[in-house]
Amino acid sequence: MNLFRSEEHVENWLGGKAPGVTTSISKLSELAHAWWGDRLADDWRPHTRDQNQQILDNLGLTGDFWRLP
């Protein structure tokens, strides 16, 4: 994972190569909270694959990159 301050900086870093998947830091923060927000609960259990896929889908993280195996 690389963090950049703008789309322009991503393009400069790539040097003309096609970008992979990019997302904003705010979306990444939403994902972290949704994925790990319940981790310290006394009754915590690992999420199932389907629950994790639902988290991604609910956040609008769709497409091949975001499809869990």
C-alpha atoms as a PDB file:
ATOM      1  CA  MET A   1       0.000   0.000   0.000  1.00  0.00           C
ATOM      2  CA  ASN A   2       1.220   3.444  -0.910  1.00  0.00           C
ATOM      3  CA  LEU A   3      -0.325   6.692   0.262  1.00  0.00           C
ATOM      4  CA  PHE A   4      -0.329   9.763  -1.983  1.00  0.00           C
ATOM      5  CA  ARG A   5      -1.637  13.236  -1.410  1.00  0.00           C
ATOM      6  CA  SER A   6      -3.299  13.589  -4.812  1.00  0.00           C
ATOM      7  CA  GLU A   7      -4.213  11.826  -8.046  1.00  0.00           C
ATOM      8  CA  GLU A   8      -1.493  13.892  -9.717  1.00  0.00           C
ATOM      9  CA  HIS A   9       1.123  12.418  -7.402  1.00  0.00           C
ATOM     10  CA  VAL A  10      -0.141   8.919  -8.200  1.00  0.00           C
ATOM     11  CA  GLU A  11       0.264   9.640 -11.919  1.00  0.00           C
ATOM     12  CA  ASN A  12       3.765  11.062 -11.397  1.00  0.00           C
ATOM     13  CA  TRP A  13       4.822   8.061  -9.324  1.00  0.00           C
ATOM     14  CA  LEU A  14       3.489   5.645 -11.928  1.00  0.00           C
ATOM     15  CA  GLY A  15       5.481   7.346 -14.668  1.00  0.00           C
ATOM     16  CA  GLY A  16       2.937   6.577 -17.390  1.00  0.00           C
ATOM     17  CA  LYS A  17       2.071   3.063 -16.230  1.00  0.00           C
ATOM     18  CA  ALA A  18      -1.581   2.134 -15.734  1.00  0.00           C
ATOM     19  CA  PRO A  19      -2.750   2.443 -12.119  1.00  0.00           C
ATOM     20  CA  GLY A  20      -4.093  -0.473 -10.163  1.00  0.00           C
ATOM     21  CA  VAL A  21      -6.941   0.024  -7.736  1.00  0.00           C
ATOM     22  CA  THR A  22      -6.914   3.301  -5.855  1.00  0.00           C
ATOM     23  CA  THR A  23      -9.118   4.497  -3.035  1.00  0.00           C
ATOM     24  CA  SER A  24      -9.257   7.517  -0.767  1.00  0.00           C
ATOM     25  CA  ILE A  25      -7.848   7.527   2.736  1.00  0.00           C
ATOM     26  CA  SER A  26     -11.361   8.223   4.045  1.00  0.00           C
ATOM     27  CA  LYS A  27     -12.674   5.076   2.318  1.00  0.00           C
ATOM     28  CA  LEU A  28      -9.715   3.125   3.693  1.00  0.00           C
ATOM     29  CA  SER A  29     -10.604   4.398   7.172  1.00  0.00           C
ATOM     30  CA  GLU A  30     -14.225   3.305   6.689  1.00  0.00           C
ATOM     31  CA  LEU A  31     -13.008  -0.131   5.658  1.00  0.00           C
ATOM     32  CA  ALA A  32     -10.725  -0.451   8.680  1.00  0.00           C
ATOM     33  CA  HIS A  33     -13.514   0.487  11.078  1.00  0.00           C
ATOM     34  CA  ALA A  34     -16.024  -1.847   9.445  1.00  0.00           C
ATOM     35  CA  TRP A  35     -13.535  -4.735   9.243  1.00  0.00           C
ATOM     36  CA  TRP A  36     -11.957  -4.410  12.700  1.00  0.00           C
ATOM     37  CA  GLY A  37     -14.397  -2.242  14.694  1.00  0.00           C
ATOM     38  CA  ASP A  38     -15.791  -5.155  16.675  1.00  0.00           C
ATOM     39  CA  ARG A  39     -12.438  -6.851  17.324  1.00  0.00           C
ATOM     40  CA  LEU A  40     -12.246  -5.944  21.019  1.00  0.00           C
ATOM     41  CA  ALA A  41     -15.809  -7.007  21.874  1.00  0.00           C
ATOM     42  CA  ASP A  42     -16.033  -9.733  24.515  1.00  0.00           C
ATOM     43  CA  ASP A  43     -18.120 -11.906  22.208  1.00  0.00           C
ATOM     44  CA  TRP A  44     -15.970 -11.311  19.102  1.00  0.00           C
ATOM     45  CA  ARG A  45     -15.799 -14.062  16.538  1.00  0.00           C
ATOM     46  CA  PRO A  46     -13.936 -13.899  13.231  1.00  0.00           C
ATOM     47  CA  HIS A  47     -16.108 -12.747  10.363  1.00  0.00           C
ATOM     48  CA  THR A  48     -17.042 -15.274   7.743  1.00  0.00           C
ATOM     49  CA  ARG A  49     -15.970 -14.782   4.142  1.00  0.00           C
ATOM     50  CA  ASP A  50     -19.544 -13.759   3.299  1.00  0.00           C
ATOM     51  CA  GLN A  51     -19.631 -11.196   6.124  1.00  0.00           C
ATOM     52  CA  ASN A  52     -16.345  -9.720   4.952  1.00  0.00           C
ATOM     53  CA  GLN A  53     -17.583  -9.594   1.358  1.00  0.00           C
ATOM     54  CA  GLN A  54     -20.698  -7.816   2.575  1.00  0.00           C
ATOM     55  CA  ILE A  55     -18.523  -5.198   4.286  1.00  0.00           C
ATOM     56  CA  LEU A  56     -16.717  -4.527   1.012  1.00  0.00           C
ATOM     57  CA  ASP A  57     -19.962  -4.423  -0.959  1.00  0.00           C
ATOM     58  CA  ASN A  58     -21.650  -2.090   1.555  1.00  0.00           C
ATOM     59  CA  LEU A  59     -18.727   0.325   1.233  1.00  0.00           C
ATOM     60  CA  GLY A  60     -19.036   0.325  -2.546  1.00  0.00           C
ATOM     61  CA  LEU A  61     -15.753  -1.561  -2.959  1.00  0.00           C
ATOM     62  CA  THR A  62     -16.773  -3.696  -5.899  1.00  0.00           C
ATOM     63  CA  GLY A  63     -15.128  -5.234  -8.927  1.00  0.00           C
ATOM     64  CA  ASP A  64     -12.649  -8.038  -9.397  1.00  0.00           C
ATOM     65  CA  PHE A  65     -10.025  -6.573  -7.057  1.00  0.00           C
ATOM     66  CA  TRP A  66     -12.469  -6.478  -4.145  1.00  0.00           C
ATOM     67  CA  ARG A  67     -13.987  -9.920  -4.715  1.00  0.00           C
ATOM     68  CA  LEU A  68     -12.778 -12.291  -1.976  1.00  0.00           C
ATOM     69  CA  PRO A  69     -11.658 -15.773  -3.036  1.00  0.00           C
END
